[in-house]
Amino acid sequence: MAREMFEFYCSGGCMGYTMFPIDVSIDASIIMVCPNCKHEHYRKMRNGKITEDRHGITKDDQFVHRIEPTLAAFSKTPRMNKEKGFIGGLWDRVGNK
């Protein structure tokens, strides 16, 4: 298992940032839940990259990883810089295929 930490911006209402440990060694659908407002962020992991493909993911998919970190993972300001995995601006790590 090769987990990496990623930071996502929550546009679901709280407008904060959450750190998520994501296993980049598998292809799977991911549901990341903001610990502050419970907004669900849907993504897919393919070939070690997080895709922008959000459509077609359901809670009943066979390979869904639901990640619900504690409130300690939430911050109103970003903790990671763009070179270290901040998804909001690090689009060269995001695969769109």
Protein backbone atom coordinates (compact mmCIF):
# COMPACT_ATOMS: atom_id res chain seq x y z
CA MET A 1 0.00 0.00 0.00
CA ALA A 2 1.48 3.32 -1.08
CA ARG A 3 -0.35 6.11 0.70
CA GLU A 4 0.30 9.75 -0.02
CA MET A 5 -1.18 12.77 1.69
CA PHE A 6 -3.28 15.12 -0.44
CA GLU A 7 -5.04 18.32 0.51
CA PHE A 8 -8.44 19.19 -0.95
CA TYR A 9 -10.33 22.46 -0.84
CA CYS A 10 -13.93 22.01 0.26
CA SER A 11 -16.32 24.03 -1.85
CA GLY A 12 -19.28 22.36 -0.15
CA GLY A 13 -19.97 25.15 2.27
CA CYS A 14 -17.14 25.44 4.78
CA MET A 15 -14.48 26.71 2.33
CA GLY A 16 -11.66 24.99 4.18
CA TYR A 17 -8.90 22.46 3.48
CA THR A 18 -8.64 18.82 4.51
CA MET A 19 -5.71 16.41 4.43
CA PHE A 20 -6.56 12.96 3.05
CA PRO A 21 -4.32 9.85 2.99
CA ILE A 22 -4.91 8.21 -0.39
CA ASP A 23 -3.60 4.84 -1.56
CA VAL A 24 -2.07 5.65 -4.96
CA SER A 25 -1.14 2.03 -5.71
CA ILE A 26 -4.67 0.94 -6.65
CA ASP A 27 -7.30 1.96 -9.18
CA ALA A 28 -10.47 2.83 -7.29
CA SER A 29 -13.29 5.27 -6.84
CA ILE A 30 -12.80 7.50 -3.81
CA ILE A 31 -15.30 9.37 -1.67
CA MET A 32 -13.55 11.90 0.56
CA VAL A 33 -15.72 13.37 3.29
CA CYS A 34 -14.96 16.81 4.69
CA PRO A 35 -14.76 16.40 8.48
CA ASN A 36 -16.07 19.93 9.01
CA CYS A 37 -19.23 20.10 6.87
CA LYS A 38 -19.57 16.44 5.73
CA HIS A 39 -19.51 17.43 2.02
CA GLU A 40 -18.56 14.41 -0.12
CA HIS A 41 -15.84 14.82 -2.75
CA TYR A 42 -15.90 12.14 -5.47
CA ARG A 43 -12.75 11.26 -7.43
CA LYS A 44 -11.18 8.29 -9.18
CA MET A 45 -7.64 7.00 -8.77
CA ARG A 46 -6.21 5.61 -12.02
CA ASN A 47 -2.59 4.60 -12.66
CA GLY A 48 -1.39 6.42 -9.56
CA LYS A 49 -3.11 9.70 -10.44
CA ILE A 50 -6.26 11.37 -9.19
CA THR A 51 -8.58 12.05 -12.09
CA GLU A 52 -11.19 14.75 -12.45
CA ASP A 53 -13.74 12.06 -13.34
CA ARG A 54 -16.46 12.36 -10.70
CA HIS A 55 -19.45 11.10 -12.61
CA GLY A 56 -20.71 7.56 -12.28
CA ILE A 57 -19.34 6.98 -8.77
CA THR A 58 -21.88 5.64 -6.34
CA LYS A 59 -21.60 4.44 -2.78
CA ASP A 60 -22.40 0.94 -4.04
CA ASP A 61 -19.44 0.69 -6.48
CA GLN A 62 -17.31 -2.40 -5.95
CA PHE A 63 -14.01 -0.59 -5.37
CA VAL A 64 -15.04 2.49 -3.43
CA HIS A 65 -12.77 3.82 -0.73
CA ARG A 66 -14.58 6.14 1.66
CA ILE A 67 -12.16 8.35 3.57
CA GLU A 68 -13.50 10.21 6.59
CA PRO A 69 -10.68 11.86 8.52
CA THR A 70 -11.11 13.40 11.96
CA LEU A 71 -11.64 17.13 12.44
CA ALA A 72 -7.89 17.45 13.13
CA ALA A 73 -7.33 17.01 9.36
CA PHE A 74 -9.33 20.21 8.65
CA SER A 75 -7.90 23.72 8.44
CA LYS A 76 -9.21 27.09 7.25
CA THR A 77 -5.85 27.71 5.56
CA PRO A 78 -3.82 25.34 3.34
CA ARG A 79 -1.09 23.30 5.02
CA MET A 80 0.67 21.97 1.92
CA ASN A 81 2.35 23.95 -0.80
CA LYS A 82 1.71 23.18 -4.46
CA GLU A 83 4.93 21.18 -4.86
CA LYS A 84 3.91 18.79 -2.06
CA GLY A 85 0.49 17.71 -3.29
CA PHE A 86 -2.06 20.52 -2.94
CA ILE A 87 -4.73 19.40 -5.40
CA GLY A 88 -6.30 22.82 -5.83
CA GLY A 89 -3.40 23.93 -8.04
CA LEU A 90 -1.21 20.93 -8.76
CA TRP A 91 -2.81 19.85 -12.01
CA ASP A 92 0.33 18.12 -13.34
CA ARG A 93 -0.36 15.32 -10.82
CA VAL A 94 -3.95 14.98 -11.93
CA GLY A 95 -4.57 12.57 -14.77
CA ASN A 96 -7.51 13.28 -17.01
CA LYS A 97 -7.55 9.96 -18.87
